[in-house]
C-alpha atoms as a PDB file:
ATOM      1  CA  MET A   1      12.889   6.916  -1.784  1.00  0.00           C
ATOM      2  CA  CYS A   2      10.214   4.291  -1.248  1.00  0.00           C
ATOM      3  CA  GLU A   3       7.645   5.368   1.299  1.00  0.00           C
ATOM      4  CA  ILE A   4       4.419   3.364   1.574  1.00  0.00           C
ATOM      5  CA  ASN A   5       1.858   4.595   4.101  1.00  0.00           C
ATOM      6  CA  PHE A   6      -1.505   3.300   5.291  1.00  0.00           C
ATOM      7  CA  PHE A   7      -4.291   5.553   6.597  1.00  0.00           C
ATOM      8  CA  ASN A   8      -7.961   5.310   7.561  1.00  0.00           C
ATOM      9  CA  GLU A   9     -10.762   7.803   6.885  1.00  0.00           C
ATOM     10  CA  ASN A  10     -14.196   7.290   8.486  1.00  0.00           C
ATOM     11  CA  ILE A  11     -13.368   3.669   9.372  1.00  0.00           C
ATOM     12  CA  SER A  12     -11.359   1.667  11.842  1.00  0.00           C
ATOM     13  CA  TYR A  13      -9.254  -1.084  10.294  1.00  0.00           C
ATOM     14  CA  VAL A  14      -5.821  -2.415  11.150  1.00  0.00           C
ATOM     15  CA  ILE A  15      -3.668  -3.580   8.264  1.00  0.00           C
ATOM     16  CA  ARG A  16      -1.637  -6.608   9.259  1.00  0.00           C
ATOM     17  CA  LYS A  17       1.903  -7.423   8.220  1.00  0.00           C
ATOM     18  CA  LYS A  18       2.656  -3.925   6.953  1.00  0.00           C
ATOM     19  CA  LYS A  19       6.333  -4.641   6.382  1.00  0.00           C
ATOM     20  CA  ALA A  20       5.533  -7.659   4.170  1.00  0.00           C
ATOM     21  CA  LEU A  21       2.936  -5.618   2.265  1.00  0.00           C
ATOM     22  CA  ARG A  22       5.394  -2.779   1.705  1.00  0.00           C
ATOM     23  CA  ASN A  23       7.989  -5.236   0.400  1.00  0.00           C
ATOM     24  CA  TRP A  24       5.418  -6.895  -1.885  1.00  0.00           C
ATOM     25  CA  ILE A  25       4.216  -3.570  -3.294  1.00  0.00           C
ATOM     26  CA  SER A  26       7.792  -2.375  -3.860  1.00  0.00           C
ATOM     27  CA  LYS A  27       8.729  -5.654  -5.553  1.00  0.00           C
ATOM     28  CA  THR A  28       5.636  -5.471  -7.786  1.00  0.00           C
ATOM     29  CA  ILE A  29       6.563  -1.958  -8.880  1.00  0.00           C
ATOM     30  CA  GLU A  30      10.168  -3.017  -9.486  1.00  0.00           C
ATOM     31  CA  MET A  31       9.025  -6.030 -11.554  1.00  0.00           C
ATOM     32  CA  GLU A  32       7.039  -3.584 -13.687  1.00  0.00           C
ATOM     33  CA  GLY A  33      10.216  -1.624 -14.384  1.00  0.00           C
ATOM     34  CA  ARG A  34       9.358   1.311 -12.157  1.00  0.00           C
ATOM     35  CA  VAL A  35      10.702   2.774  -8.914  1.00  0.00           C
ATOM     36  CA  ALA A  36       8.409   3.301  -5.943  1.00  0.00           C
ATOM     37  CA  GLY A  37       8.210   6.762  -4.463  1.00  0.00           C
ATOM     38  CA  SER A  38       5.656   7.980  -1.951  1.00  0.00           C
ATOM     39  CA  LEU A  39       2.477   5.884  -1.961  1.00  0.00           C
ATOM     40  CA  ASN A  40      -0.483   6.389   0.341  1.00  0.00           C
ATOM     41  CA  PHE A  41      -3.234   3.814   0.773  1.00  0.00           C
ATOM     42  CA  ILE A  42      -6.271   5.416   2.367  1.00  0.00           C
ATOM     43  CA  LEU A  43      -8.958   3.013   3.537  1.00  0.00           C
ATOM     44  CA  CYS A  44     -12.373   4.608   3.839  1.00  0.00           C
ATOM     45  CA  ASP A  45     -16.094   3.880   3.669  1.00  0.00           C
ATOM     46  CA  ASP A  46     -18.507   4.115   0.736  1.00  0.00           C
ATOM     47  CA  ASP A  47     -19.714   7.585   1.688  1.00  0.00           C
ATOM     48  CA  TYR A  48     -16.197   9.022   1.715  1.00  0.00           C
ATOM     49  CA  LEU A  49     -15.201   7.430  -1.597  1.00  0.00           C
ATOM     50  CA  SER A  50     -18.529   8.250  -3.260  1.00  0.00           C
ATOM     51  CA  ALA A  51     -18.090  11.925  -2.377  1.00  0.00           C
ATOM     52  CA  MET A  52     -14.602  11.879  -3.911  1.00  0.00           C
ATOM     53  CA  ASN A  53     -15.849  10.034  -6.987  1.00  0.00           C
ATOM     54  CA  LEU A  54     -18.503  12.686  -7.540  1.00  0.00           C
ATOM     55  CA  LYS A  55     -16.209  15.624  -6.782  1.00  0.00           C
ATOM     56  CA  TYR A  56     -13.211  14.617  -8.884  1.00  0.00           C
ATOM     57  CA  LEU A  57     -14.636  12.341 -11.585  1.00  0.00           C
ATOM     58  CA  LYS A  58     -18.274  13.480 -11.687  1.00  0.00           C
ATOM     59  CA  HIS A  59     -19.385   9.833 -11.259  1.00  0.00           C
ATOM     60  CA  LYS A  60     -22.388   9.015  -9.086  1.00  0.00           C
ATOM     61  CA  SER A  61     -21.665   5.278  -8.938  1.00  0.00           C
ATOM     62  CA  LEU A  62     -20.091   3.281  -6.131  1.00  0.00           C
ATOM     63  CA  THR A  63     -16.551   2.114  -6.649  1.00  0.00           C
ATOM     64  CA  ASP A  64     -14.017   0.162  -4.643  1.00  0.00           C
ATOM     65  CA  ILE A  65     -10.998   2.284  -5.569  1.00  0.00           C
ATOM     66  CA  LEU A  66      -9.869   5.685  -6.785  1.00  0.00           C
ATOM     67  CA  THR A  67      -6.244   6.245  -7.739  1.00  0.00           C
ATOM     68  CA  PHE A  68      -4.571   9.635  -8.027  1.00  0.00           C
ATOM     69  CA  PRO A  69      -0.973  10.025  -9.242  1.00  0.00           C
ATOM     70  CA  THR A  70       0.762  12.713  -7.202  1.00  0.00           C
ATOM     71  CA  ASP A  71       4.209  13.210  -8.740  1.00  0.00           C
ATOM     72  CA  GLU A  72       4.663  12.464 -12.404  1.00  0.00           C
ATOM     73  CA  GLU A  73       7.742  14.684 -12.708  1.00  0.00           C
ATOM     74  CA  SER A  74      10.206  12.748 -10.553  1.00  0.00           C
ATOM     75  CA  GLY A  75      10.091   9.470 -12.475  1.00  0.00           C
ATOM     76  CA  LEU A  76       9.094   7.726  -9.247  1.00  0.00           C
ATOM     77  CA  LEU A  77       5.735   6.008  -8.911  1.00  0.00           C
ATOM     78  CA  CYS A  78       3.853   8.206  -6.438  1.00  0.00           C
ATOM     79  CA  GLY A  79       0.182   8.431  -5.629  1.00  0.00           C
ATOM     80  CA  ASP A  80      -2.794   8.269  -3.336  1.00  0.00           C
ATOM     81  CA  ILE A  81      -4.935   5.154  -3.523  1.00  0.00           C
ATOM     82  CA  PHE A  82      -8.345   5.431  -1.853  1.00  0.00           C
ATOM     83  CA  ILE A  83     -10.075   2.116  -1.143  1.00  0.00           C
ATOM     84  CA  SER A  84     -13.623   1.605   0.084  1.00  0.00           C
ATOM     85  CA  LEU A  85     -13.423  -1.057   2.768  1.00  0.00           C
ATOM     86  CA  THR A  86     -17.215  -1.337   2.490  1.00  0.00           C
ATOM     87  CA  ARG A  87     -16.848  -2.476  -1.150  1.00  0.00           C
ATOM     88  CA  VAL A  88     -13.915  -4.736  -0.244  1.00  0.00           C
ATOM     89  CA  ARG A  89     -15.990  -6.475   2.441  1.00  0.00           C
ATOM     90  CA  GLU A  90     -18.978  -6.945   0.129  1.00  0.00           C
ATOM     91  CA  ASN A  91     -16.790  -8.206  -2.718  1.00  0.00           C
ATOM     92  CA  ALA A  92     -15.005 -10.617  -0.382  1.00  0.00           C
ATOM     93  CA  ILE A  93     -18.368 -12.181   0.432  1.00  0.00           C
ATOM     94  CA  LEU A  94     -19.459 -12.127  -3.210  1.00  0.00           C
ATOM     95  CA  PHE A  95     -16.257 -13.779  -4.454  1.00  0.00           C
ATOM     96  CA  ASP A  96     -15.850 -16.082  -1.422  1.00  0.00           C
ATOM     97  CA  GLN A  97     -12.538 -14.506  -0.353  1.00  0.00           C
ATOM     98  CA  ARG A  98     -11.162 -13.403   2.965  1.00  0.00           C
ATOM     99  CA  ILE A  99     -11.375  -9.627   3.418  1.00  0.00           C
ATOM    100  CA  GLU A 100      -7.598  -9.402   3.603  1.00  0.00           C
ATOM    101  CA  GLU A 101      -7.199 -11.243   0.260  1.00  0.00           C
ATOM    102  CA  GLU A 102      -9.707  -8.988  -1.470  1.00  0.00           C
ATOM    103  CA  LEU A 103      -8.018  -5.923   0.012  1.00  0.00           C
ATOM    104  CA  HIS A 104      -4.677  -7.074  -1.389  1.00  0.00           C
ATOM    105  CA  ARG A 105      -6.249  -7.508  -4.834  1.00  0.00           C
ATOM    106  CA  VAL A 106      -7.667  -3.990  -4.759  1.00  0.00           C
ATOM    107  CA  MET A 107      -4.372  -2.567  -3.491  1.00  0.00           C
ATOM    108  CA  ILE A 108      -2.406  -4.107  -6.350  1.00  0.00           C
ATOM    109  CA  HIS A 109      -5.158  -3.023  -8.762  1.00  0.00           C
ATOM    110  CA  GLY A 110      -4.479   0.557  -7.653  1.00  0.00           C
ATOM    111  CA  ILE A 111      -0.758   0.100  -8.240  1.00  0.00           C
ATOM    112  CA  MET A 112      -1.496  -1.206 -11.750  1.00  0.00           C
ATOM    113  CA  HIS A 113      -3.526   1.954 -12.428  1.00  0.00           C
ATOM    114  CA  LEU A 114      -0.681   4.164 -11.200  1.00  0.00           C
ATOM    115  CA  ILE A 115       1.707   2.317 -13.504  1.00  0.00           C
ATOM    116  CA  GLY A 116      -0.602   3.165 -16.372  1.00  0.00           C
ATOM    117  CA  TYR A 117      -2.744   0.101 -16.973  1.00  0.00           C
ATOM    118  CA  ARG A 118      -6.398   0.757 -17.747  1.00  0.00           C
ATOM    119  CA  ASP A 119      -9.508  -1.373 -17.379  1.00  0.00           C
ATOM    120  CA  SER A 120     -12.044   0.366 -19.584  1.00  0.00           C
ATOM    121  CA  SER A 121     -12.505  -2.445 -22.107  1.00  0.00           C
ATOM    122  CA  LYS A 122     -13.101  -6.160 -21.605  1.00  0.00           C
ATOM    123  CA  ARG A 123      -9.629  -6.898 -22.962  1.00  0.00           C
ATOM    124  CA  GLU A 124      -7.982  -4.404 -20.589  1.00  0.00           C
ATOM    125  CA  LYS A 125      -9.924  -5.827 -17.622  1.00  0.00           C
ATOM    126  CA  GLU A 126      -8.806  -9.358 -18.461  1.00  0.00           C
ATOM    127  CA  PHE A 127      -5.190  -8.204 -18.800  1.00  0.00           C
ATOM    128  CA  MET A 128      -5.274  -6.396 -15.454  1.00  0.00           C
ATOM    129  CA  ARG A 129      -6.890  -9.424 -13.785  1.00  0.00           C
ATOM    130  CA  ARG A 130      -4.026 -11.621 -15.008  1.00  0.00           C
ATOM    131  CA  LYS A 131      -1.513  -9.077 -13.668  1.00  0.00           C
ATOM    132  CA  GLU A 132      -3.325  -8.979 -10.305  1.00  0.00           C
ATOM    133  CA  ASP A 133      -3.422 -12.797 -10.111  1.00  0.00           C
ATOM    134  CA  PHE A 134       0.295 -12.987 -10.897  1.00  0.00           C
ATOM    135  CA  TYR A 135       1.322 -10.427  -8.288  1.00  0.00           C
ATOM    136  CA  LEU A 136      -1.012 -11.915  -5.674  1.00  0.00           C
ATOM    137  CA  SER A 137       0.743 -15.254  -6.243  1.00  0.00           C
ATOM    138  CA  VAL A 138       4.087 -13.719  -5.240  1.00  0.00           C
ATOM    139  CA  LEU A 139       2.703 -12.207  -2.016  1.00  0.00           C
END
């Protein structure tokens, strides 16, 4: 039961090529040995994500993504992935990427977190970056 949804909160943004993105996300999850369940990508602004970051994680810092698993019992990969489009836009400029490319990187980063990968240490960050680069290459 793969269901991948896209929503907006406090912003207006149209995700292009949704069918291709859904297929890419499902394939990524499958390549990681998991089965996709219900996944929600919620694009929002900094204010919305900052409020969530403070409420749920007690962090006062800005972030580009928050990932919440929603069903760990079923064996399916399910979750809500909140992405600050404000951060995505700024990072796209910073890293000389198109907004869409940076958004895809952050989306797959969220999937990696749901799968169980962490990025707390330098080594973990490097590992996740390699995973992101690999999966972006198959998009």
